[in-house]
Amino acid sequence: MDNQNLKVLLPREDIAATVRKLAADITRDYHDKNPILIGILKGAFVFMADLVRCLNFPLELEFVRLASYSGTQSTGQLKMLQTLPCPVEGRHVLVIEDIIDTGLTTAFIMGYVKTKSPASLKLCALLDKPARRCAPVDIDYLGFTVPDRFVVGYGLDYDQKYRNLPDVCVLEAKP
């Protein structure tokens, strides 16, 4: 893998500290609620794995898979590749996202889950890129706000590459 086009934006140590802080906030709010955490695949899997290892209370994990990107651009067309496999009616739900960019994917999934009548619905995102927002999104637990640059690593990808990087990096030039 050629890493010469990468510049570290958020080092792994900063990410780990922020994940611990988010976990403390989530624990305060959910410790007695047995929530369902819904991860958005594929990007949120690394963040979600680190986050849930910091949570010490009963919870359940589920995943949905959505696609809207081709290369570095959102296609504007959202595809649900894997739907929610369990009922959430009457349950406390926390959606876990890697990055909120245009907001279209997040707004879609939040609306989808809301139609399933959860007791509560909140959103946790590692990254927010408000400069690209097209759809309004309320983020309840946020790690970092990032500039309008294409980022990879820590689960985020460019055409399925770079997910395994431990830091969040700016991809300066496309390979």
Protein backbone atom coordinates (compact mmCIF):
# COMPACT_ATOMS: atom_id res chain seq x y z
CA MET A 1 0.00 0.00 0.00
CA ASP A 2 1.42 3.37 -1.00
CA ASN A 3 1.17 5.78 1.93
CA GLN A 4 3.12 8.66 0.37
CA ASN A 5 -0.14 10.50 -0.44
CA LEU A 6 -1.31 10.38 3.19
CA LYS A 7 -1.00 13.05 5.87
CA VAL A 8 -2.05 12.22 9.44
CA LEU A 9 -4.96 14.40 10.51
CA LEU A 10 -5.95 12.60 13.73
CA PRO A 11 -3.32 10.42 15.36
CA ARG A 12 -4.36 7.13 16.97
CA GLU A 13 -3.65 8.46 20.47
CA ASP A 14 -6.11 11.33 20.01
CA ILE A 15 -8.69 8.94 18.57
CA ALA A 16 -8.31 6.54 21.53
CA ALA A 17 -8.73 9.37 24.06
CA THR A 18 -11.83 10.63 22.25
CA VAL A 19 -13.34 7.15 22.06
CA ARG A 20 -12.89 6.82 25.84
CA LYS A 21 -14.59 10.21 26.37
CA LEU A 22 -17.50 9.26 24.10
CA ALA A 23 -17.83 5.94 25.95
CA ALA A 24 -17.99 7.77 29.30
CA ASP A 25 -20.78 10.01 27.97
CA ILE A 26 -22.69 7.06 26.51
CA THR A 27 -22.27 5.08 29.74
CA ARG A 28 -23.72 7.97 31.72
CA ASP A 29 -26.79 8.03 29.47
CA TYR A 30 -27.33 4.31 28.70
CA HIS A 31 -25.92 2.26 31.62
CA ASP A 32 -29.38 1.15 32.72
CA LYS A 33 -31.17 1.00 29.34
CA ASN A 34 -29.81 -2.16 27.60
CA PRO A 35 -29.57 -0.27 24.28
CA ILE A 36 -29.18 -1.59 20.78
CA LEU A 37 -26.14 -0.08 19.07
CA ILE A 38 -26.48 -0.09 15.30
CA GLY A 39 -23.25 0.22 13.35
CA ILE A 40 -23.23 1.47 9.78
CA LEU A 41 -21.06 -0.86 7.70
CA LYS A 42 -18.44 -0.88 6.54
CA GLY A 43 -16.85 2.33 7.77
CA ALA A 44 -18.00 2.35 11.41
CA PHE A 45 -16.77 -1.13 12.31
CA VAL A 46 -13.36 -0.08 13.72
CA PHE A 47 -14.79 2.84 15.70
CA MET A 48 -17.67 0.74 16.99
CA ALA A 49 -15.39 -2.10 18.05
CA ASP A 50 -13.18 0.25 20.06
CA LEU A 51 -16.20 2.07 21.49
CA VAL A 52 -18.06 -1.03 22.72
CA ARG A 53 -14.91 -2.36 24.39
CA CYS A 54 -15.06 0.77 26.58
CA LEU A 55 -18.72 0.22 27.53
CA ASN A 56 -19.31 -1.90 30.62
CA PHE A 57 -23.08 -2.38 30.68
CA PRO A 58 -25.60 -4.65 28.94
CA LEU A 59 -26.10 -3.80 25.26
CA GLU A 60 -26.81 -5.44 21.93
CA LEU A 61 -25.04 -4.90 18.61
CA GLU A 62 -26.56 -4.86 15.16
CA PHE A 63 -25.36 -3.66 11.78
CA VAL A 64 -26.86 -2.21 8.63
CA ARG A 65 -25.01 -1.71 5.40
CA LEU A 66 -25.58 1.25 3.14
CA ALA A 67 -23.71 2.44 0.07
CA SER A 68 -23.63 5.86 -1.55
CA TYR A 69 -20.01 6.45 -2.61
CA SER A 70 -18.04 5.81 -5.75
CA GLY A 71 -14.41 6.80 -5.27
CA THR A 72 -14.31 10.08 -3.34
CA GLN A 73 -17.78 11.36 -4.25
CA SER A 74 -21.24 10.56 -3.01
CA THR A 75 -23.39 9.32 -5.88
CA GLY A 76 -26.48 10.82 -4.27
CA GLN A 77 -28.08 7.39 -4.68
CA LEU A 78 -28.40 5.45 -1.45
CA LYS A 79 -28.58 1.66 -1.46
CA MET A 80 -29.50 -0.39 1.61
CA LEU A 81 -27.41 -3.52 1.20
CA GLN A 82 -28.21 -5.04 4.62
CA THR A 83 -31.31 -4.10 6.59
CA LEU A 84 -31.83 -4.10 10.34
CA PRO A 85 -32.17 -7.75 11.37
CA CYS A 86 -34.00 -7.26 14.68
CA PRO A 87 -37.02 -5.35 15.99
CA VAL A 88 -36.22 -2.10 17.81
CA GLU A 89 -39.74 -1.13 18.85
CA GLY A 90 -39.72 0.17 22.42
CA ARG A 91 -35.90 -0.16 22.66
CA HIS A 92 -33.28 2.54 23.18
CA VAL A 93 -31.22 2.78 19.99
CA LEU A 94 -27.84 4.41 19.38
CA VAL A 95 -26.67 4.60 15.75
CA ILE A 96 -22.88 4.53 15.31
CA GLU A 97 -21.40 6.29 12.27
CA ASP A 98 -17.81 6.77 11.15
CA ILE A 99 -18.32 10.14 9.45
CA ILE A 100 -21.20 12.50 8.77
CA ASP A 101 -20.44 14.07 5.41
CA THR A 102 -23.37 15.14 3.22
CA GLY A 103 -25.72 13.83 5.91
CA LEU A 104 -27.83 11.98 3.33
CA THR A 105 -26.89 8.49 4.54
CA THR A 106 -27.28 9.39 8.18
CA ALA A 107 -30.60 11.17 7.68
CA PHE A 108 -31.83 8.13 5.76
CA ILE A 109 -30.84 5.59 8.43
CA MET A 110 -32.13 7.74 11.30
CA GLY A 111 -35.46 8.11 9.49
CA TYR A 112 -35.56 4.38 8.76
CA VAL A 113 -34.94 3.44 12.40
CA LYS A 114 -37.44 6.05 13.63
CA THR A 115 -40.19 4.33 11.61
CA LYS A 116 -39.53 1.20 13.72
CA SER A 117 -40.77 3.02 16.89
CA PRO A 118 -37.76 2.90 19.22
CA ALA A 119 -38.11 4.23 22.79
CA SER A 120 -35.30 6.65 21.97
CA LEU A 121 -32.95 7.25 19.06
CA LYS A 122 -29.59 8.98 19.20
CA LEU A 123 -26.53 9.29 16.99
CA CYS A 124 -22.83 8.87 17.75
CA ALA A 125 -20.28 9.81 15.09
CA LEU A 126 -16.52 9.77 15.19
CA LEU A 127 -16.19 12.51 12.56
CA ASP A 128 -18.32 15.38 11.30
CA LYS A 129 -17.59 17.24 8.06
CA PRO A 130 -20.18 20.05 8.18
CA ALA A 131 -18.83 21.86 5.09
CA ARG A 132 -20.42 19.20 2.86
CA ARG A 133 -23.78 18.93 4.62
CA CYS A 134 -26.81 18.61 2.34
CA ALA A 135 -29.26 17.12 4.85
CA PRO A 136 -29.67 18.28 8.45
CA VAL A 137 -28.37 15.84 11.07
CA ASP A 138 -28.33 16.15 14.86
CA ILE A 139 -25.29 14.44 16.37
CA ASP A 140 -25.70 13.53 20.04
CA TYR A 141 -22.16 12.24 20.62
CA LEU A 142 -19.39 13.61 18.41
CA GLY A 143 -15.69 12.84 18.35
CA PHE A 144 -14.13 15.36 15.94
CA THR A 145 -15.08 17.99 13.39
CA VAL A 146 -12.87 17.71 10.31
CA PRO A 147 -12.18 20.02 7.36
CA ASP A 148 -13.55 19.42 3.87
CA ARG A 149 -10.81 16.99 2.88
CA PHE A 150 -11.07 13.34 1.88
CA VAL A 151 -10.09 11.24 4.89
CA VAL A 152 -9.17 7.57 5.21
CA GLY A 153 -8.05 5.20 7.92
CA TYR A 154 -9.60 3.91 11.13
CA GLY A 155 -12.32 2.21 9.06
CA LEU A 156 -12.72 4.94 6.43
CA ASP A 157 -11.75 3.98 2.90
CA TYR A 158 -11.01 5.03 -0.63
CA ASP A 159 -12.38 2.30 -2.91
CA GLN A 160 -11.96 -0.26 -0.10
CA LYS A 161 -8.33 0.73 0.58
CA TYR A 162 -6.79 2.28 3.73
CA ARG A 163 -9.45 1.07 6.23
CA ASN A 164 -6.73 -0.64 8.26
CA LEU A 165 -4.69 2.51 8.98
CA PRO A 166 -4.66 3.25 12.73
CA ASP A 167 -4.79 7.04 12.23
CA VAL A 168 -7.29 9.19 10.32
CA CYS A 169 -5.37 10.61 7.37
CA VAL A 170 -6.01 13.08 4.58
CA LEU A 171 -5.62 11.47 1.19
CA GLU A 172 -3.71 14.21 -0.65
CA ALA A 173 -3.71 12.72 -4.15
CA LYS A 174 -5.65 9.73 -5.36
CA PRO A 175 -3.58 6.63 -6.19
